[in-house]
Amino acid sequence: MSQSKSSTKTVVVCQSCESVFVSEVKPDGTIRPIGVSADCTCGDGDFRRISGTADLE
């Protein structure tokens, strides 16, 4: 079965508590941490990519 790649993985940081997560980035730019809820464990859901990191495969 063929599966198209609909998202990429990257490293992001929570803008509130600075926790770091491996996350999926959807084609529309939505960031979703892997292994936790859509929000950070601190309750905030505002993430940014860590500059200088490449997408993960």
PDB file of N, CA and C in Angstrom:
ATOM      1  N   MET A   1       0.840  -1.165   0.000  1.00  0.00           N
ATOM      2  CA  MET A   1       0.000   0.000   0.000  1.00  0.00           C
ATOM      3  C   MET A   1       0.891   1.236   0.000  1.00  0.00           C
ATOM      4  N   SER A   2       0.594   2.152  -0.892  1.00  0.00           N
ATOM      5  CA  SER A   2       1.344   3.390  -1.005  1.00  0.00           C
ATOM      6  C   SER A   2       0.749   4.446  -0.087  1.00  0.00           C
ATOM      7  N   GLN A   3       1.623   5.201   0.544  1.00  0.00           N
ATOM      8  CA  GLN A   3       1.151   6.228   1.462  1.00  0.00           C
ATOM      9  C   GLN A   3       1.851   7.534   1.119  1.00  0.00           C
ATOM     10  N   SER A   4       1.077   8.581   0.836  1.00  0.00           N
ATOM     11  CA  SER A   4       1.684   9.868   0.524  1.00  0.00           C
ATOM     12  C   SER A   4       2.068  10.576   1.813  1.00  0.00           C
ATOM     13  N   LYS A   5       3.118  11.359   1.732  1.00  0.00           N
ATOM     14  CA  LYS A   5       3.600  12.074   2.900  1.00  0.00           C
ATOM     15  C   LYS A   5       2.796  13.355   3.059  1.00  0.00           C
ATOM     16  N   SER A   6       1.956  13.403   4.076  1.00  0.00           N
ATOM     17  CA  SER A   6       1.095  14.561   4.259  1.00  0.00           C
ATOM     18  C   SER A   6       1.605  15.503   5.337  1.00  0.00           C
ATOM     19  N   SER A   7       2.640  15.110   6.069  1.00  0.00           N
ATOM     20  CA  SER A   7       3.198  15.987   7.081  1.00  0.00           C
ATOM     21  C   SER A   7       4.686  15.699   7.222  1.00  0.00           C
ATOM     22  N   THR A   8       5.393  16.643   7.844  1.00  0.00           N
ATOM     23  CA  THR A   8       6.805  16.454   8.134  1.00  0.00           C
ATOM     24  C   THR A   8       6.992  16.477   9.647  1.00  0.00           C
ATOM     25  N   LYS A   9       8.099  15.988  10.100  1.00  0.00           N
ATOM     26  CA  LYS A   9       8.419  16.026  11.526  1.00  0.00           C
ATOM     27  C   LYS A   9       9.553  17.016  11.740  1.00  0.00           C
ATOM     28  N   THR A  10       9.475  17.762  12.829  1.00  0.00           N
ATOM     29  CA  THR A  10      10.500  18.734  13.163  1.00  0.00           C
ATOM     30  C   THR A  10      10.546  18.896  14.674  1.00  0.00           C
ATOM     31  N   VAL A  11      11.487  19.672  15.165  1.00  0.00           N
ATOM     32  CA  VAL A  11      11.617  19.947  16.589  1.00  0.00           C
ATOM     33  C   VAL A  11      11.042  21.336  16.850  1.00  0.00           C
ATOM     34  N   VAL A  12      10.156  21.417  17.852  1.00  0.00           N
ATOM     35  CA  VAL A  12       9.535  22.692  18.199  1.00  0.00           C
ATOM     36  C   VAL A  12       9.693  22.966  19.688  1.00  0.00           C
ATOM     37  N   VAL A  13       9.495  24.212  20.060  1.00  0.00           N
ATOM     38  CA  VAL A  13       9.558  24.617  21.461  1.00  0.00           C
ATOM     39  C   VAL A  13       8.277  25.358  21.815  1.00  0.00           C
ATOM     40  N   CYS A  14       7.759  25.110  23.007  1.00  0.00           N
ATOM     41  CA  CYS A  14       6.586  25.826  23.507  1.00  0.00           C
ATOM     42  C   CYS A  14       7.016  27.254  23.823  1.00  0.00           C
ATOM     43  N   GLN A  15       6.268  28.223  23.344  1.00  0.00           N
ATOM     44  CA  GLN A  15       6.640  29.617  23.573  1.00  0.00           C
ATOM     45  C   GLN A  15       6.377  30.051  25.013  1.00  0.00           C
ATOM     46  N   SER A  16       5.584  29.286  25.750  1.00  0.00           N
ATOM     47  CA  SER A  16       5.269  29.649  27.132  1.00  0.00           C
ATOM     48  C   SER A  16       6.277  29.073  28.128  1.00  0.00           C
ATOM     49  N   CYS A  17       6.475  27.749  28.095  1.00  0.00           N
ATOM     50  CA  CYS A  17       7.333  27.112  29.108  1.00  0.00           C
ATOM     51  C   CYS A  17       8.673  26.620  28.559  1.00  0.00           C
ATOM     52  N   GLU A  18       8.869  26.734  27.244  1.00  0.00           N
ATOM     53  CA  GLU A  18      10.103  26.335  26.558  1.00  0.00           C
ATOM     54  C   GLU A  18      10.365  24.831  26.565  1.00  0.00           C
ATOM     55  N   SER A  19       9.316  24.012  26.751  1.00  0.00           N
ATOM     56  CA  SER A  19       9.463  22.565  26.598  1.00  0.00           C
ATOM     57  C   SER A  19       9.688  22.259  25.119  1.00  0.00           C
ATOM     58  N   VAL A  20      10.478  21.232  24.848  1.00  0.00           N
ATOM     59  CA  VAL A  20      10.847  20.874  23.480  1.00  0.00           C
ATOM     60  C   VAL A  20      10.152  19.570  23.101  1.00  0.00           C
ATOM     61  N   PHE A  21       9.613  19.517  21.879  1.00  0.00           N
ATOM     62  CA  PHE A  21       8.894  18.344  21.393  1.00  0.00           C
ATOM     63  C   PHE A  21       9.272  18.043  19.950  1.00  0.00           C
ATOM     64  N   VAL A  22       9.280  16.750  19.608  1.00  0.00           N
ATOM     65  CA  VAL A  22       9.264  16.364  18.202  1.00  0.00           C
ATOM     66  C   VAL A  22       7.806  16.499  17.786  1.00  0.00           C
ATOM     67  N   SER A  23       7.564  17.125  16.649  1.00  0.00           N
ATOM     68  CA  SER A  23       6.198  17.429  16.240  1.00  0.00           C
ATOM     69  C   SER A  23       5.979  17.170  14.767  1.00  0.00           C
ATOM     70  N   GLU A  24       4.713  16.979  14.417  1.00  0.00           N
ATOM     71  CA  GLU A  24       4.311  16.915  13.014  1.00  0.00           C
ATOM     72  C   GLU A  24       3.922  18.314  12.576  1.00  0.00           C
ATOM     73  N   VAL A  25       4.331  18.679  11.374  1.00  0.00           N
ATOM     74  CA  VAL A  25       3.898  19.935  10.774  1.00  0.00           C
ATOM     75  C   VAL A  25       3.059  19.563   9.565  1.00  0.00           C
ATOM     76  N   LYS A  26       1.790  19.891   9.629  1.00  0.00           N
ATOM     77  CA  LYS A  26       0.851  19.589   8.549  1.00  0.00           C
ATOM     78  C   LYS A  26       1.106  20.520   7.366  1.00  0.00           C
ATOM     79  N   PRO A  27       0.643  20.150   6.178  1.00  0.00           N
ATOM     80  CA  PRO A  27       0.843  20.997   4.990  1.00  0.00           C
ATOM     81  C   PRO A  27       0.316  22.424   5.161  1.00  0.00           C
ATOM     82  N   ASP A  28      -0.694  22.604   6.023  1.00  0.00           N
ATOM     83  CA  ASP A  28      -1.229  23.956   6.242  1.00  0.00           C
ATOM     84  C   ASP A  28      -0.436  24.740   7.293  1.00  0.00           C
ATOM     85  N   GLY A  29       0.650  24.139   7.832  1.00  0.00           N
ATOM     86  CA  GLY A  29       1.491  24.825   8.814  1.00  0.00           C
ATOM     87  C   GLY A  29       1.137  24.541  10.256  1.00  0.00           C
ATOM     88  N   THR A  30       0.051  23.797  10.493  1.00  0.00           N
ATOM     89  CA  THR A  30      -0.359  23.445  11.844  1.00  0.00           C
ATOM     90  C   THR A  30       0.706  22.555  12.482  1.00  0.00           C
ATOM     91  N   ILE A  31       1.080  22.870  13.726  1.00  0.00           N
ATOM     92  CA  ILE A  31       2.078  22.096  14.466  1.00  0.00           C
ATOM     93  C   ILE A  31       1.355  21.270  15.521  1.00  0.00           C
ATOM     94  N   ARG A  32       1.655  19.952  15.553  1.00  0.00           N
ATOM     95  CA  ARG A  32       1.056  19.057  16.541  1.00  0.00           C
ATOM     96  C   ARG A  32       2.149  18.209  17.164  1.00  0.00           C
ATOM     97  N   PRO A  33       2.389  18.385  18.479  1.00  0.00           N
ATOM     98  CA  PRO A  33       3.400  17.570  19.159  1.00  0.00           C
ATOM     99  C   PRO A  33       3.039  16.086  19.083  1.00  0.00           C
ATOM    100  N   ILE A  34       4.047  15.244  19.005  1.00  0.00           N
ATOM    101  CA  ILE A  34       3.850  13.799  18.963  1.00  0.00           C
ATOM    102  C   ILE A  34       3.931  13.265  20.396  1.00  0.00           C
ATOM    103  N   GLY A  35       2.939  12.480  20.795  1.00  0.00           N
ATOM    104  CA  GLY A  35       2.962  11.827  22.099  1.00  0.00           C
ATOM    105  C   GLY A  35       2.287  12.595  23.214  1.00  0.00           C
ATOM    106  N   VAL A  36       1.792  13.796  22.944  1.00  0.00           N
ATOM    107  CA  VAL A  36       1.040  14.572  23.933  1.00  0.00           C
ATOM    108  C   VAL A  36      -0.197  15.133  23.251  1.00  0.00           C
ATOM    109  N   SER A  37      -1.054  15.802  24.006  1.00  0.00           N
ATOM    110  CA  SER A  37      -2.244  16.403  23.416  1.00  0.00           C
ATOM    111  C   SER A  37      -1.839  17.522  22.451  1.00  0.00           C
ATOM    112  N   ALA A  38      -2.807  18.117  21.803  1.00  0.00           N
ATOM    113  CA  ALA A  38      -2.535  19.192  20.839  1.00  0.00           C
ATOM    114  C   ALA A  38      -1.883  20.391  21.513  1.00  0.00           C
ATOM    115  N   ASP A  39      -2.111  20.554  22.802  1.00  0.00           N
ATOM    116  CA  ASP A  39      -1.473  21.633  23.558  1.00  0.00           C
ATOM    117  C   ASP A  39      -0.260  21.080  24.287  1.00  0.00           C
ATOM    118  N   CYS A  40       0.580  21.971  24.745  1.00  0.00           N
ATOM    119  CA  CYS A  40       1.745  21.589  25.541  1.00  0.00           C
ATOM    120  C   CYS A  40       1.277  21.054  26.888  1.00  0.00           C
ATOM    121  N   THR A  41       2.149  20.370  27.597  1.00  0.00           N
ATOM    122  CA  THR A  41       1.822  19.868  28.921  1.00  0.00           C
ATOM    123  C   THR A  41       1.553  21.009  29.904  1.00  0.00           C
ATOM    124  N   CYS A  42       2.012  22.244  29.589  1.00  0.00           N
ATOM    125  CA  CYS A  42       1.742  23.408  30.446  1.00  0.00           C
ATOM    126  C   CYS A  42       0.372  24.006  30.157  1.00  0.00           C
ATOM    127  N   GLY A  43      -0.299  23.533  29.083  1.00  0.00           N
ATOM    128  CA  GLY A  43      -1.616  24.034  28.737  1.00  0.00           C
ATOM    129  C   GLY A  43      -1.625  25.024  27.588  1.00  0.00           C
ATOM    130  N   ASP A  44      -0.465  25.480  27.179  1.00  0.00           N
ATOM    131  CA  ASP A  44      -0.366  26.410  26.055  1.00  0.00           C
ATOM    132  C   ASP A  44      -0.249  25.608  24.769  1.00  0.00           C
ATOM    133  N   GLY A  45      -0.663  26.164  23.681  1.00  0.00           N
ATOM    134  CA  GLY A  45      -0.579  25.467  22.401  1.00  0.00           C
ATOM    135  C   GLY A  45       0.165  26.263  21.362  1.00  0.00           C
ATOM    136  N   ASP A  46       0.993  27.220  21.801  1.00  0.00           N
ATOM    137  CA  ASP A  46       1.715  28.087  20.876  1.00  0.00           C
ATOM    138  C   ASP A  46       3.151  27.592  20.746  1.00  0.00           C
ATOM    139  N   PHE A  47       3.467  26.983  19.600  1.00  0.00           N
ATOM    140  CA  PHE A  47       4.778  26.405  19.376  1.00  0.00           C
ATOM    141  C   PHE A  47       5.493  27.133  18.251  1.00  0.00           C
ATOM    142  N   ARG A  48       6.811  27.065  18.263  1.00  0.00           N
ATOM    143  CA  ARG A  48       7.599  27.568  17.145  1.00  0.00           C
ATOM    144  C   ARG A  48       8.711  26.562  16.861  1.00  0.00           C
ATOM    145  N   ARG A  49       9.067  26.500  15.576  1.00  0.00           N
ATOM    146  CA  ARG A  49      10.186  25.634  15.207  1.00  0.00           C
ATOM    147  C   ARG A  49      11.472  26.184  15.801  1.00  0.00           C
ATOM    148  N   ILE A  50      12.353  25.294  16.191  1.00  0.00           N
ATOM    149  CA  ILE A  50      13.659  25.719  16.669  1.00  0.00           C
ATOM    150  C   ILE A  50      14.488  26.033  15.439  1.00  0.00           C
ATOM    151  N   SER A  51      14.967  27.253  15.341  1.00  0.00           N
ATOM    152  CA  SER A  51      15.710  27.661  14.148  1.00  0.00           C
ATOM    153  C   SER A  51      16.997  26.852  14.033  1.00  0.00           C
ATOM    154  N   GLY A  52      17.350  26.566  12.807  1.00  0.00           N
ATOM    155  CA  GLY A  52      18.572  25.808  12.544  1.00  0.00           C
ATOM    156  C   GLY A  52      18.385  24.303  12.574  1.00  0.00           C
ATOM    157  N   THR A  53      17.163  23.829  12.796  1.00  0.00           N
ATOM    158  CA  THR A  53      16.925  22.390  12.776  1.00  0.00           C
ATOM    159  C   THR A  53      16.295  21.996  11.452  1.00  0.00           C
ATOM    160  N   ALA A  54      16.711  20.874  10.958  1.00  0.00           N
ATOM    161  CA  ALA A  54      16.155  20.357   9.704  1.00  0.00           C
ATOM    162  C   ALA A  54      14.925  19.519  10.010  1.00  0.00           C
ATOM    163  N   ASP A  55      14.086  19.328   8.998  1.00  0.00           N
ATOM    164  CA  ASP A  55      12.951  18.423   9.155  1.00  0.00           C
ATOM    165  C   ASP A  55      13.479  17.019   9.392  1.00  0.00           C
ATOM    166  N   LEU A  56      12.793  16.253  10.203  1.00  0.00           N
ATOM    167  CA  LEU A  56      13.177  14.880  10.513  1.00  0.00           C
ATOM    168  C   LEU A  56      12.455  13.935   9.577  1.00  0.00           C
ATOM    169  N   GLU A  57      13.047  12.800   9.310  1.00  0.00           N
ATOM    170  CA  GLU A  57      12.397  11.809   8.438  1.00  0.00           C
ATOM    171  C   GLU A  57      11.934  10.628   9.217  1.00  0.00           C
TER     172      GLU A  57
END
